[in-house]
Amino acid sequence: MKKQFAFILFYLVPCLWAGVVLGAGVLAVFAVFDVPENQKVFAYAAAARVFERLSTIEWGFLGLLLLSSAVLGFPPKRTFFAVTVSGVFLIQDLWLHPSLAARTAILVNGGQLEPSLIHPIFAGLTLIKLTLLFGISFSALNIQRSCLDRAVFAPSK
């Protein structure tokens, strides 16, 4: 029973995680670009707060993903994808988030920013993370389908 729950959790958590990233992250980014120029400072500050909260939530999702992988006995493919998602998230949260927060503070205080590749790198890593998360979730459909096929086509006794 514990392994069945972990299996469901291993595939449900990435789908929920991707949904939260898409929901919060995309809305925050669009909010920044969809406000009048005189309200940009508020939009930058609000988006920074959203990404702070999103980071906290993502730590919880990461913990659940790794815990479910551990309960399942660290199957090689699942563990590879879980570790890859973990690596992408850690790069984002431990390196890029502090840099982006510092850049946001400069903007909020009326300063000018030097050109930087931090935003495109963050966006690229987010796309990689989302692809991995959706890949983990959708792979459950294939596993479930193959189990159903075996159940339907298995000879009865």
C-alpha atoms as a PDB file:
ATOM      1  CA  MET A   1       0.000   0.000   0.000  1.00  0.00           C
ATOM      2  CA  LYS A   2       2.849   2.362   0.870  1.00  0.00           C
ATOM      3  CA  LYS A   3       4.478   1.763  -2.546  1.00  0.00           C
ATOM      4  CA  GLN A   4       1.179   2.371  -4.367  1.00  0.00           C
ATOM      5  CA  PHE A   5       0.776   5.677  -2.550  1.00  0.00           C
ATOM      6  CA  ALA A   6       4.400   6.606  -3.324  1.00  0.00           C
ATOM      7  CA  PHE A   7       3.863   5.701  -6.995  1.00  0.00           C
ATOM      8  CA  ILE A   8       0.806   7.951  -7.207  1.00  0.00           C
ATOM      9  CA  LEU A   9       2.633  10.686  -5.314  1.00  0.00           C
ATOM     10  CA  PHE A  10       5.684  10.405  -7.598  1.00  0.00           C
ATOM     11  CA  TYR A  11       3.519  11.192 -10.617  1.00  0.00           C
ATOM     12  CA  LEU A  12       1.007  13.566  -9.064  1.00  0.00           C
ATOM     13  CA  VAL A  13       3.530  15.875  -7.391  1.00  0.00           C
ATOM     14  CA  PRO A  14       5.348  16.818 -10.636  1.00  0.00           C
ATOM     15  CA  CYS A  15       2.061  17.638 -12.342  1.00  0.00           C
ATOM     16  CA  LEU A  16       0.962  19.832  -9.446  1.00  0.00           C
ATOM     17  CA  TRP A  17       4.430  21.385  -9.238  1.00  0.00           C
ATOM     18  CA  ALA A  18       4.379  22.265 -12.943  1.00  0.00           C
ATOM     19  CA  GLY A  19       0.883  23.706 -12.584  1.00  0.00           C
ATOM     20  CA  VAL A  20       1.948  25.945  -9.714  1.00  0.00           C
ATOM     21  CA  VAL A  21       5.042  27.132 -11.603  1.00  0.00           C
ATOM     22  CA  LEU A  22       2.971  27.863 -14.688  1.00  0.00           C
ATOM     23  CA  GLY A  23       0.201  29.531 -12.726  1.00  0.00           C
ATOM     24  CA  ALA A  24       2.230  31.688 -10.377  1.00  0.00           C
ATOM     25  CA  GLY A  25       5.287  32.285 -12.516  1.00  0.00           C
ATOM     26  CA  VAL A  26       3.578  33.066 -15.785  1.00  0.00           C
ATOM     27  CA  LEU A  27       0.987  35.280 -14.149  1.00  0.00           C
ATOM     28  CA  ALA A  28       3.682  37.211 -12.287  1.00  0.00           C
ATOM     29  CA  VAL A  29       5.693  37.754 -15.464  1.00  0.00           C
ATOM     30  CA  PHE A  30       2.655  38.884 -17.458  1.00  0.00           C
ATOM     31  CA  ALA A  31       1.621  41.192 -14.617  1.00  0.00           C
ATOM     32  CA  VAL A  32       4.938  43.017 -14.859  1.00  0.00           C
ATOM     33  CA  PHE A  33       4.576  43.627 -18.585  1.00  0.00           C
ATOM     34  CA  ASP A  34       0.877  44.456 -18.491  1.00  0.00           C
ATOM     35  CA  VAL A  35       0.938  47.482 -16.190  1.00  0.00           C
ATOM     36  CA  PRO A  36       1.327  51.156 -17.012  1.00  0.00           C
ATOM     37  CA  GLU A  37       4.855  52.536 -16.728  1.00  0.00           C
ATOM     38  CA  ASN A  38       4.074  54.485 -13.545  1.00  0.00           C
ATOM     39  CA  GLN A  39       3.114  51.220 -11.762  1.00  0.00           C
ATOM     40  CA  LYS A  40       6.116  49.138 -12.868  1.00  0.00           C
ATOM     41  CA  VAL A  41       7.904  49.540  -9.532  1.00  0.00           C
ATOM     42  CA  PHE A  42       4.956  48.011  -7.690  1.00  0.00           C
ATOM     43  CA  ALA A  43       4.696  45.236 -10.296  1.00  0.00           C
ATOM     44  CA  TYR A  44       8.393  44.367  -9.929  1.00  0.00           C
ATOM     45  CA  ALA A  45       8.090  44.221  -6.151  1.00  0.00           C
ATOM     46  CA  ALA A  46       4.927  42.103  -6.349  1.00  0.00           C
ATOM     47  CA  ALA A  47       6.499  39.695  -8.831  1.00  0.00           C
ATOM     48  CA  ALA A  48       9.546  39.325  -6.582  1.00  0.00           C
ATOM     49  CA  ARG A  49       7.265  38.392  -3.671  1.00  0.00           C
ATOM     50  CA  VAL A  50       5.426  35.868  -5.832  1.00  0.00           C
ATOM     51  CA  PHE A  51       8.714  34.211  -6.790  1.00  0.00           C
ATOM     52  CA  GLU A  52       9.820  34.140  -3.137  1.00  0.00           C
ATOM     53  CA  ARG A  53       6.637  32.295  -2.178  1.00  0.00           C
ATOM     54  CA  LEU A  54       6.878  30.053  -5.228  1.00  0.00           C
ATOM     55  CA  SER A  55      10.379  29.064  -4.168  1.00  0.00           C
ATOM     56  CA  THR A  56       9.140  28.009  -0.732  1.00  0.00           C
ATOM     57  CA  ILE A  57       6.370  25.911  -2.277  1.00  0.00           C
ATOM     58  CA  GLU A  58       8.823  24.340  -4.726  1.00  0.00           C
ATOM     59  CA  TRP A  59      11.038  23.180  -1.840  1.00  0.00           C
ATOM     60  CA  GLY A  60       8.019  21.255  -0.531  1.00  0.00           C
ATOM     61  CA  PHE A  61       7.337  19.699  -3.926  1.00  0.00           C
ATOM     62  CA  LEU A  62      11.005  18.738  -4.240  1.00  0.00           C
ATOM     63  CA  GLY A  63      10.899  17.054  -0.839  1.00  0.00           C
ATOM     64  CA  LEU A  64       7.783  15.081  -1.759  1.00  0.00           C
ATOM     65  CA  LEU A  65       9.271  14.022  -5.093  1.00  0.00           C
ATOM     66  CA  LEU A  66      12.491  12.787  -3.493  1.00  0.00           C
ATOM     67  CA  LEU A  67      10.625  11.106  -0.631  1.00  0.00           C
ATOM     68  CA  SER A  68       8.360   9.211  -3.001  1.00  0.00           C
ATOM     69  CA  SER A  69      11.385   8.191  -5.059  1.00  0.00           C
ATOM     70  CA  ALA A  70      13.053   6.871  -1.902  1.00  0.00           C
ATOM     71  CA  VAL A  71       9.957   4.891  -0.880  1.00  0.00           C
ATOM     72  CA  LEU A  72       9.860   3.350  -4.358  1.00  0.00           C
ATOM     73  CA  GLY A  73      13.438   2.150  -3.862  1.00  0.00           C
ATOM     74  CA  PHE A  74      15.087   4.672  -6.200  1.00  0.00           C
ATOM     75  CA  PRO A  75      14.152   3.113  -9.550  1.00  0.00           C
ATOM     76  CA  PRO A  76      16.872   4.199 -12.024  1.00  0.00           C
ATOM     77  CA  LYS A  77      14.818   6.159 -14.581  1.00  0.00           C
ATOM     78  CA  ARG A  78      12.588   7.856 -12.031  1.00  0.00           C
ATOM     79  CA  THR A  79      15.554   8.697  -9.857  1.00  0.00           C
ATOM     80  CA  PHE A  80      17.445  10.163 -12.829  1.00  0.00           C
ATOM     81  CA  PHE A  81      14.547  12.499 -13.638  1.00  0.00           C
ATOM     82  CA  ALA A  82      13.981  13.399  -9.980  1.00  0.00           C
ATOM     83  CA  VAL A  83      17.667  14.224  -9.520  1.00  0.00           C
ATOM     84  CA  THR A  84      17.721  16.238 -12.760  1.00  0.00           C
ATOM     85  CA  VAL A  85      14.682  18.265 -11.660  1.00  0.00           C
ATOM     86  CA  SER A  86      16.372  18.733  -8.280  1.00  0.00           C
ATOM     87  CA  GLY A  87      19.529  20.027  -9.923  1.00  0.00           C
ATOM     88  CA  VAL A  88      17.659  22.496 -12.098  1.00  0.00           C
ATOM     89  CA  PHE A  89      15.653  23.744  -9.130  1.00  0.00           C
ATOM     90  CA  LEU A  90      18.740  24.112  -6.922  1.00  0.00           C
ATOM     91  CA  ILE A  91      20.533  26.135  -9.596  1.00  0.00           C
ATOM     92  CA  GLN A  92      17.493  28.373  -9.886  1.00  0.00           C
ATOM     93  CA  ASP A  93      16.894  28.786  -6.189  1.00  0.00           C
ATOM     94  CA  LEU A  94      20.425  29.005  -4.809  1.00  0.00           C
ATOM     95  CA  TRP A  95      22.121  30.948  -7.609  1.00  0.00           C
ATOM     96  CA  LEU A  96      19.590  32.709  -9.819  1.00  0.00           C
ATOM     97  CA  HIS A  97      16.902  33.757  -7.317  1.00  0.00           C
ATOM     98  CA  PRO A  98      19.308  35.791  -5.161  1.00  0.00           C
ATOM     99  CA  SER A  99      20.702  37.497  -8.264  1.00  0.00           C
ATOM    100  CA  LEU A 100      17.240  38.251  -9.589  1.00  0.00           C
ATOM    101  CA  ALA A 101      16.105  39.526  -6.185  1.00  0.00           C
ATOM    102  CA  ALA A 102      19.089  41.891  -6.077  1.00  0.00           C
ATOM    103  CA  ARG A 103      18.277  43.134  -9.579  1.00  0.00           C
ATOM    104  CA  THR A 104      14.639  43.661  -8.581  1.00  0.00           C
ATOM    105  CA  ALA A 105      15.716  45.667  -5.527  1.00  0.00           C
ATOM    106  CA  ILE A 106      17.744  47.933  -7.816  1.00  0.00           C
ATOM    107  CA  LEU A 107      14.713  48.482 -10.061  1.00  0.00           C
ATOM    108  CA  VAL A 108      12.380  49.120  -7.130  1.00  0.00           C
ATOM    109  CA  ASN A 109      14.781  51.732  -5.767  1.00  0.00           C
ATOM    110  CA  GLY A 110      14.862  53.525  -9.120  1.00  0.00           C
ATOM    111  CA  GLY A 111      18.225  52.275 -10.325  1.00  0.00           C
ATOM    112  CA  GLN A 112      19.280  51.169 -13.773  1.00  0.00           C
ATOM    113  CA  LEU A 113      20.358  47.640 -14.587  1.00  0.00           C
ATOM    114  CA  GLU A 114      23.271  46.450 -16.650  1.00  0.00           C
ATOM    115  CA  PRO A 115      22.367  43.909 -19.349  1.00  0.00           C
ATOM    116  CA  SER A 116      22.482  40.369 -18.006  1.00  0.00           C
ATOM    117  CA  LEU A 117      21.777  36.827 -19.121  1.00  0.00           C
ATOM    118  CA  ILE A 118      20.276  35.889 -15.744  1.00  0.00           C
ATOM    119  CA  HIS A 119      16.648  36.214 -16.889  1.00  0.00           C
ATOM    120  CA  PRO A 120      17.058  34.148 -20.083  1.00  0.00           C
ATOM    121  CA  ILE A 121      18.994  31.498 -18.152  1.00  0.00           C
ATOM    122  CA  PHE A 122      16.260  31.384 -15.515  1.00  0.00           C
ATOM    123  CA  ALA A 123      13.544  31.140 -18.192  1.00  0.00           C
ATOM    124  CA  GLY A 124      15.431  28.388 -20.027  1.00  0.00           C
ATOM    125  CA  LEU A 125      15.901  26.387 -16.837  1.00  0.00           C
ATOM    126  CA  THR A 126      12.220  26.840 -16.038  1.00  0.00           C
ATOM    127  CA  LEU A 127      11.284  25.393 -19.438  1.00  0.00           C
ATOM    128  CA  ILE A 128      13.626  22.457 -18.847  1.00  0.00           C
ATOM    129  CA  LYS A 129      12.134  21.932 -15.378  1.00  0.00           C
ATOM    130  CA  LEU A 130       8.572  22.068 -16.717  1.00  0.00           C
ATOM    131  CA  THR A 131       9.417  19.614 -19.503  1.00  0.00           C
ATOM    132  CA  LEU A 132      10.920  17.183 -16.994  1.00  0.00           C
ATOM    133  CA  LEU A 133       7.994  17.545 -14.594  1.00  0.00           C
ATOM    134  CA  PHE A 134       5.398  16.971 -17.297  1.00  0.00           C
ATOM    135  CA  GLY A 135       7.482  14.095 -18.650  1.00  0.00           C
ATOM    136  CA  ILE A 136       7.460  12.373 -15.271  1.00  0.00           C
ATOM    137  CA  SER A 137       3.708  12.867 -14.944  1.00  0.00           C
ATOM    138  CA  PHE A 138       2.849  11.702 -18.451  1.00  0.00           C
ATOM    139  CA  SER A 139       5.073   8.648 -18.145  1.00  0.00           C
ATOM    140  CA  ALA A 140       2.610   7.422 -15.531  1.00  0.00           C
ATOM    141  CA  LEU A 141      -0.036   7.240 -18.232  1.00  0.00           C
ATOM    142  CA  ASN A 142       2.097   4.803 -20.225  1.00  0.00           C
ATOM    143  CA  ILE A 143       2.794   2.688 -17.157  1.00  0.00           C
ATOM    144  CA  GLN A 144      -0.884   2.647 -16.209  1.00  0.00           C
ATOM    145  CA  ARG A 145      -1.909   1.858 -19.803  1.00  0.00           C
ATOM    146  CA  SER A 146       0.548  -1.057 -20.030  1.00  0.00           C
ATOM    147  CA  CYS A 147      -0.765  -2.408 -16.712  1.00  0.00           C
ATOM    148  CA  LEU A 148      -4.339  -2.198 -18.010  1.00  0.00           C
ATOM    149  CA  ASP A 149      -3.348  -3.905 -21.286  1.00  0.00           C
ATOM    150  CA  ARG A 150      -1.784  -6.778 -19.362  1.00  0.00           C
ATOM    151  CA  ALA A 151      -4.841  -7.020 -17.145  1.00  0.00           C
ATOM    152  CA  VAL A 152      -7.204  -7.116 -20.135  1.00  0.00           C
ATOM    153  CA  PHE A 153      -5.176  -9.455 -22.301  1.00  0.00           C
ATOM    154  CA  ALA A 154      -3.850 -11.739 -19.606  1.00  0.00           C
ATOM    155  CA  PRO A 155      -5.284 -15.241 -19.834  1.00  0.00           C
ATOM    156  CA  SER A 156      -7.815 -15.968 -17.139  1.00  0.00           C
ATOM    157  CA  LYS A 157      -7.567 -19.080 -15.046  1.00  0.00           C
END
